[in-house]
């Protein structure tokens, strides 16, 4: 029997939402050289090549990912920081977990009030 290839995806397993902690963001900056930017007056990022945006949103731990949510969840550095920091990688109202799924599966992240699960995409017709 051959071992099936898997990929890792970070999801949130409590009500609240997917959110890295300030400690996780600072670890990414220090250990992975992630670049930080801010918003400009037009509401876009000042540095389009940055990985993290500094914010003043109360619920954001002071930072947010520049990458879209789906891309950030499979990023090898984000997966590494969640593995290294464990529970400390989770931001407020978050409980981040790494889920392994078969590499060849097309998936989607289902969410209810921030509590997430991964489901395989199936065909449907109306």
N, C-alpha and C. Protein backbone atom coordinates (compact mmCIF):
# COMPACT_ATOMS: atom_id res chain seq x y z
N UNK A 1 0.85 -1.18 0.00
CA UNK A 1 0.00 0.00 0.00
C UNK A 1 0.89 1.24 0.00
N UNK A 2 0.61 2.17 -0.89
CA UNK A 2 1.40 3.39 -0.97
C UNK A 2 0.81 4.47 -0.07
N UNK A 3 1.70 5.27 0.44
CA UNK A 3 1.26 6.37 1.30
C UNK A 3 0.75 7.52 0.43
N UNK A 4 -0.42 8.04 0.77
CA UNK A 4 -1.02 9.13 -0.01
C UNK A 4 -0.41 10.46 0.39
N UNK A 5 -0.12 11.30 -0.62
CA UNK A 5 0.40 12.64 -0.39
C UNK A 5 -0.68 13.49 0.27
N UNK A 6 -0.25 14.33 1.22
CA UNK A 6 -1.20 15.22 1.90
C UNK A 6 -0.71 16.66 1.83
N UNK A 7 -1.64 17.57 2.06
CA UNK A 7 -1.28 18.98 2.20
C UNK A 7 -1.88 19.46 3.51
N UNK A 8 -1.28 20.50 4.05
CA UNK A 8 -1.73 21.05 5.33
C UNK A 8 -2.48 22.35 5.09
N UNK A 9 -3.55 22.54 5.88
CA UNK A 9 -4.37 23.75 5.81
C UNK A 9 -4.64 24.19 7.24
N UNK A 10 -4.50 25.47 7.54
CA UNK A 10 -4.79 25.99 8.88
C UNK A 10 -6.23 26.49 8.89
N UNK A 11 -7.00 26.01 9.89
CA UNK A 11 -8.37 26.47 10.06
C UNK A 11 -8.58 26.90 11.51
N UNK A 12 -9.70 27.54 11.75
CA UNK A 12 -10.07 27.96 13.10
C UNK A 12 -11.13 27.00 13.64
N UNK A 13 -10.95 26.50 14.85
CA UNK A 13 -11.86 25.51 15.41
C UNK A 13 -12.65 26.02 16.61
N UNK A 14 -12.95 27.31 16.65
CA UNK A 14 -13.85 27.84 17.67
C UNK A 14 -14.62 29.01 17.08
N UNK A 15 -15.67 29.40 17.73
CA UNK A 15 -16.43 30.55 17.26
C UNK A 15 -15.56 31.79 17.43
N UNK A 16 -15.54 32.64 16.44
CA UNK A 16 -14.74 33.86 16.48
C UNK A 16 -14.18 34.17 15.12
N UNK A 17 -13.13 33.46 14.71
CA UNK A 17 -12.58 33.69 13.39
C UNK A 17 -11.11 33.34 13.28
N UNK A 18 -10.67 33.12 12.06
CA UNK A 18 -9.28 32.80 11.75
C UNK A 18 -8.42 34.03 12.04
N UNK A 19 -7.49 33.91 12.97
CA UNK A 19 -6.68 35.06 13.35
C UNK A 19 -5.37 34.58 14.00
N UNK A 20 -4.26 35.07 13.49
CA UNK A 20 -2.97 34.80 14.12
C UNK A 20 -2.77 35.75 15.29
N UNK A 21 -1.99 35.33 16.28
CA UNK A 21 -1.68 36.18 17.43
C UNK A 21 -0.59 37.18 17.07
N UNK A 22 -0.46 38.20 17.90
CA UNK A 22 0.62 39.18 17.73
C UNK A 22 1.96 38.47 17.81
N UNK A 23 2.08 37.51 18.71
CA UNK A 23 3.32 36.75 18.86
C UNK A 23 3.65 35.99 17.57
N UNK A 24 2.63 35.43 16.92
CA UNK A 24 2.84 34.70 15.66
C UNK A 24 3.31 35.65 14.56
N UNK A 25 2.66 36.82 14.46
CA UNK A 25 3.09 37.80 13.46
C UNK A 25 4.53 38.24 13.71
N UNK A 26 4.87 38.50 14.95
CA UNK A 26 6.23 38.93 15.28
C UNK A 26 7.25 37.83 15.00
N UNK A 27 6.86 36.57 15.20
CA UNK A 27 7.73 35.44 14.88
C UNK A 27 7.98 35.39 13.37
N UNK A 28 6.94 35.61 12.58
CA UNK A 28 7.09 35.62 11.11
C UNK A 28 8.01 36.75 10.65
N UNK A 29 7.90 37.90 11.28
CA UNK A 29 8.75 39.05 10.94
C UNK A 29 10.21 38.74 11.30
N UNK A 30 10.43 38.25 12.51
CA UNK A 30 11.78 38.01 13.01
C UNK A 30 12.45 36.79 12.35
N UNK A 31 11.72 35.69 12.25
CA UNK A 31 12.33 34.43 11.81
C UNK A 31 12.21 34.16 10.31
N UNK A 32 11.25 34.76 9.65
CA UNK A 32 11.04 34.50 8.23
C UNK A 32 11.23 35.75 7.37
N UNK A 33 11.52 36.88 8.01
CA UNK A 33 11.78 38.10 7.27
C UNK A 33 10.56 38.68 6.57
N UNK A 34 9.38 38.39 7.11
CA UNK A 34 8.16 38.93 6.49
C UNK A 34 8.17 40.44 6.59
N UNK A 35 7.77 41.08 5.50
CA UNK A 35 7.76 42.55 5.42
C UNK A 35 6.41 43.09 5.89
N UNK A 36 6.48 44.22 6.59
CA UNK A 36 5.28 44.86 7.14
C UNK A 36 4.99 46.14 6.36
N UNK A 37 3.72 46.40 6.12
CA UNK A 37 3.30 47.62 5.47
C UNK A 37 2.13 48.23 6.24
N UNK A 38 1.66 49.35 5.76
CA UNK A 38 0.47 50.00 6.32
C UNK A 38 -0.45 50.34 5.16
N UNK A 39 -1.66 50.79 5.49
CA UNK A 39 -2.58 51.25 4.46
C UNK A 39 -2.22 52.69 4.09
N UNK A 40 -2.41 53.03 2.82
CA UNK A 40 -2.25 54.42 2.43
C UNK A 40 -3.62 55.10 2.49
N UNK A 41 -3.69 56.35 2.17
CA UNK A 41 -4.95 57.10 2.27
C UNK A 41 -6.06 56.54 1.39
N UNK A 42 -5.69 55.90 0.30
CA UNK A 42 -6.68 55.34 -0.62
C UNK A 42 -7.22 53.99 -0.13
N UNK A 43 -6.66 53.46 0.94
CA UNK A 43 -7.12 52.19 1.48
C UNK A 43 -6.43 50.97 0.90
N UNK A 44 -5.37 51.17 0.12
CA UNK A 44 -4.60 50.03 -0.38
C UNK A 44 -3.28 49.97 0.40
N UNK A 45 -2.52 48.92 0.17
CA UNK A 45 -1.27 48.75 0.89
C UNK A 45 -0.18 49.67 0.33
N UNK A 46 0.58 50.30 1.22
CA UNK A 46 1.69 51.16 0.80
C UNK A 46 2.75 50.35 0.06
N UNK A 47 3.10 49.19 0.60
CA UNK A 47 4.08 48.30 -0.03
C UNK A 47 3.35 47.06 -0.53
N UNK A 48 3.19 46.95 -1.82
CA UNK A 48 2.44 45.83 -2.39
C UNK A 48 3.18 44.50 -2.28
N UNK A 49 4.48 44.54 -1.93
CA UNK A 49 5.27 43.32 -1.78
C UNK A 49 5.32 42.84 -0.33
N UNK A 50 4.63 43.51 0.56
CA UNK A 50 4.65 43.14 1.98
C UNK A 50 3.80 41.90 2.22
N UNK A 51 4.07 41.26 3.35
CA UNK A 51 3.35 40.05 3.74
C UNK A 51 2.30 40.34 4.82
N UNK A 52 2.58 41.38 5.63
CA UNK A 52 1.77 41.70 6.81
C UNK A 52 1.41 43.18 6.75
N UNK A 53 0.21 43.50 7.18
CA UNK A 53 -0.20 44.90 7.27
C UNK A 53 -0.39 45.26 8.74
N UNK A 54 0.19 46.37 9.13
CA UNK A 54 0.01 46.88 10.50
C UNK A 54 -1.34 47.59 10.54
N UNK A 55 -2.15 47.27 11.53
CA UNK A 55 -3.49 47.84 11.62
C UNK A 55 -3.75 48.39 13.02
N UNK A 56 -4.84 49.12 13.14
CA UNK A 56 -5.28 49.56 14.46
C UNK A 56 -6.66 48.97 14.79
N UNK A 57 -7.05 47.94 14.02
CA UNK A 57 -8.31 47.26 14.33
C UNK A 57 -8.15 46.54 15.65
N UNK A 58 -9.10 46.69 16.52
CA UNK A 58 -9.02 46.09 17.86
C UNK A 58 -8.91 44.58 17.78
N UNK A 59 -9.63 43.95 16.87
CA UNK A 59 -9.67 42.49 16.82
C UNK A 59 -8.53 41.88 16.03
N UNK A 60 -7.57 42.68 15.54
CA UNK A 60 -6.57 42.16 14.61
C UNK A 60 -5.21 41.87 15.23
N UNK A 61 -5.04 42.02 16.52
CA UNK A 61 -3.75 41.79 17.16
C UNK A 61 -2.71 42.81 16.69
N UNK A 62 -3.14 43.86 16.00
CA UNK A 62 -2.22 44.88 15.50
C UNK A 62 -1.69 44.60 14.11
N UNK A 63 -1.95 43.39 13.58
CA UNK A 63 -1.48 43.00 12.26
C UNK A 63 -2.55 42.19 11.54
N UNK A 64 -2.42 42.11 10.23
CA UNK A 64 -3.25 41.20 9.44
C UNK A 64 -2.42 40.68 8.28
N UNK A 65 -2.82 39.54 7.73
CA UNK A 65 -2.13 38.99 6.57
C UNK A 65 -2.50 39.79 5.33
N UNK A 66 -1.53 40.08 4.50
CA UNK A 66 -1.80 40.73 3.22
C UNK A 66 -2.37 39.69 2.25
N UNK A 67 -1.87 38.47 2.33
CA UNK A 67 -2.36 37.39 1.48
C UNK A 67 -3.85 37.16 1.76
N UNK A 68 -4.57 36.75 0.75
CA UNK A 68 -5.96 36.45 1.02
C UNK A 68 -6.03 35.25 1.96
N UNK A 69 -7.16 35.10 2.60
CA UNK A 69 -7.34 34.08 3.63
C UNK A 69 -6.97 32.68 3.14
N UNK A 70 -7.40 32.29 1.95
CA UNK A 70 -7.12 30.95 1.46
C UNK A 70 -5.63 30.74 1.24
N UNK A 71 -4.97 31.73 0.66
CA UNK A 71 -3.53 31.63 0.39
C UNK A 71 -2.73 31.59 1.70
N UNK A 72 -3.13 32.39 2.67
CA UNK A 72 -2.44 32.43 3.96
C UNK A 72 -2.56 31.13 4.73
N UNK A 73 -3.65 30.43 4.57
CA UNK A 73 -3.89 29.19 5.31
C UNK A 73 -3.00 28.03 4.87
N UNK A 74 -2.49 28.10 3.63
CA UNK A 74 -1.64 27.02 3.13
C UNK A 74 -0.18 27.47 3.02
N UNK A 75 0.11 28.68 3.42
CA UNK A 75 1.47 29.21 3.36
C UNK A 75 2.37 28.41 4.31
N UNK A 76 3.51 27.97 3.81
CA UNK A 76 4.40 27.12 4.62
C UNK A 76 4.89 27.83 5.88
N UNK A 77 5.10 29.15 5.83
CA UNK A 77 5.54 29.88 7.01
C UNK A 77 4.43 29.97 8.06
N UNK A 78 3.20 30.19 7.61
CA UNK A 78 2.06 30.24 8.54
C UNK A 78 1.87 28.87 9.19
N UNK A 79 1.98 27.81 8.40
CA UNK A 79 1.86 26.46 8.96
C UNK A 79 2.97 26.23 9.98
N UNK A 80 4.19 26.65 9.65
CA UNK A 80 5.32 26.47 10.57
C UNK A 80 5.12 27.21 11.88
N UNK A 81 4.64 28.45 11.83
CA UNK A 81 4.47 29.21 13.07
C UNK A 81 3.37 28.57 13.93
N UNK A 82 2.33 28.04 13.32
CA UNK A 82 1.27 27.37 14.09
C UNK A 82 1.83 26.08 14.70
N UNK A 83 2.66 25.36 13.97
CA UNK A 83 3.29 24.15 14.52
C UNK A 83 4.23 24.49 15.66
N UNK A 84 5.04 25.53 15.51
CA UNK A 84 6.05 25.89 16.52
C UNK A 84 5.42 26.50 17.77
N UNK A 85 4.48 27.42 17.61
CA UNK A 85 3.91 28.12 18.76
C UNK A 85 2.70 27.42 19.36
N UNK A 86 2.11 26.50 18.65
CA UNK A 86 0.92 25.81 19.17
C UNK A 86 -0.20 26.79 19.46
N UNK A 87 -0.78 26.67 20.65
CA UNK A 87 -1.91 27.53 21.03
C UNK A 87 -1.54 29.01 21.03
N UNK A 88 -0.28 29.32 21.26
CA UNK A 88 0.16 30.73 21.29
C UNK A 88 0.10 31.38 19.91
N UNK A 89 -0.07 30.60 18.85
CA UNK A 89 -0.18 31.16 17.50
C UNK A 89 -1.58 31.70 17.22
N UNK A 90 -2.54 31.30 18.04
CA UNK A 90 -3.93 31.71 17.83
C UNK A 90 -4.19 33.09 18.40
N UNK A 91 -4.82 33.95 17.58
CA UNK A 91 -5.20 35.28 18.03
C UNK A 91 -6.43 35.23 18.91
N UNK A 92 -6.92 36.39 19.30
CA UNK A 92 -8.10 36.45 20.16
C UNK A 92 -9.30 35.82 19.44
N UNK A 93 -10.09 35.09 20.18
CA UNK A 93 -11.27 34.39 19.65
C UNK A 93 -10.91 33.44 18.52
N UNK A 94 -9.75 32.81 18.61
CA UNK A 94 -9.32 31.85 17.59
C UNK A 94 -8.70 30.64 18.27
N UNK A 95 -8.83 29.51 17.62
CA UNK A 95 -8.19 28.27 18.04
C UNK A 95 -7.72 27.58 16.77
N UNK A 96 -6.51 27.94 16.34
CA UNK A 96 -6.00 27.48 15.06
C UNK A 96 -5.57 26.02 15.14
N UNK A 97 -5.87 25.30 14.06
CA UNK A 97 -5.54 23.88 13.97
C UNK A 97 -5.08 23.59 12.55
N UNK A 98 -4.08 22.73 12.43
CA UNK A 98 -3.61 22.29 11.12
C UNK A 98 -4.30 20.98 10.79
N UNK A 99 -4.93 20.96 9.62
CA UNK A 99 -5.63 19.77 9.15
C UNK A 99 -4.89 19.26 7.93
N UNK A 100 -4.65 17.94 7.89
CA UNK A 100 -4.02 17.32 6.72
C UNK A 100 -5.13 16.72 5.86
N UNK A 101 -5.08 17.04 4.57
CA UNK A 101 -6.05 16.48 3.63
C UNK A 101 -5.29 15.92 2.43
N UNK A 102 -5.89 14.97 1.72
CA UNK A 102 -5.22 14.43 0.53
C UNK A 102 -4.91 15.54 -0.47
N UNK A 103 -3.71 15.50 -1.05
CA UNK A 103 -3.26 16.54 -1.96
C UNK A 103 -4.13 16.68 -3.20
N UNK A 104 -4.75 15.60 -3.62
CA UNK A 104 -5.53 15.65 -4.86
C UNK A 104 -6.99 16.03 -4.65
N UNK A 105 -7.37 16.39 -3.43
CA UNK A 105 -8.76 16.73 -3.14
C UNK A 105 -8.99 18.23 -3.34
N UNK A 106 -10.04 18.55 -4.08
CA UNK A 106 -10.47 19.94 -4.19
C UNK A 106 -11.33 20.21 -2.96
N UNK A 107 -10.99 21.23 -2.20
CA UNK A 107 -11.68 21.47 -0.92
C UNK A 107 -12.19 22.90 -0.83
N UNK A 108 -13.05 23.10 0.15
CA UNK A 108 -13.50 24.45 0.51
C UNK A 108 -13.57 24.51 2.02
N UNK A 109 -13.43 25.71 2.54
CA UNK A 109 -13.53 25.91 3.98
C UNK A 109 -14.93 26.41 4.28
N UNK A 110 -15.65 25.64 5.08
CA UNK A 110 -16.99 26.03 5.50
C UNK A 110 -16.86 26.71 6.86
N UNK A 111 -17.69 27.71 7.09
CA UNK A 111 -17.57 28.51 8.32
C UNK A 111 -18.95 28.87 8.83
N UNK A 112 -19.10 28.79 10.15
CA UNK A 112 -20.30 29.28 10.82
C UNK A 112 -19.85 30.07 12.04
N UNK A 113 -20.07 31.38 12.05
CA UNK A 113 -19.65 32.26 13.14
C UNK A 113 -18.17 32.10 13.48
N UNK A 114 -17.36 31.85 12.45
CA UNK A 114 -15.92 31.73 12.65
C UNK A 114 -15.43 30.32 12.89
N UNK A 115 -16.31 29.40 13.25
CA UNK A 115 -15.94 27.99 13.45
C UNK A 115 -15.85 27.33 12.08
N UNK A 116 -14.70 26.76 11.76
CA UNK A 116 -14.46 26.29 10.40
C UNK A 116 -14.25 24.78 10.32
N UNK A 117 -14.55 24.26 9.14
CA UNK A 117 -14.25 22.87 8.80
C UNK A 117 -13.87 22.83 7.34
N UNK A 118 -13.22 21.76 6.93
CA UNK A 118 -12.83 21.59 5.54
C UNK A 118 -13.73 20.53 4.93
N UNK A 119 -14.28 20.83 3.76
CA UNK A 119 -15.15 19.89 3.08
C UNK A 119 -14.68 19.71 1.65
N UNK A 120 -14.84 18.52 1.15
CA UNK A 120 -14.52 18.25 -0.23
C UNK A 120 -15.55 18.90 -1.13
N UNK A 121 -15.11 19.47 -2.23
CA UNK A 121 -16.02 20.10 -3.20
C UNK A 121 -16.66 18.99 -4.04
N UNK A 122 -17.96 19.04 -4.11
CA UNK A 122 -18.71 18.09 -4.94
C UNK A 122 -19.46 18.83 -6.02
N UNK A 123 -19.83 18.11 -7.04
CA UNK A 123 -20.62 18.73 -8.10
C UNK A 123 -22.08 18.81 -7.68
N UNK A 124 -22.74 19.83 -8.16
CA UNK A 124 -24.19 19.94 -7.92
C UNK A 124 -24.82 20.68 -9.09
N UNK A 125 -26.06 20.40 -9.34
CA UNK A 125 -26.81 21.04 -10.42
C UNK A 125 -28.16 21.48 -9.89
N UNK A 126 -28.66 22.53 -10.46
CA UNK A 126 -29.98 23.04 -10.06
C UNK A 126 -30.88 23.02 -11.29
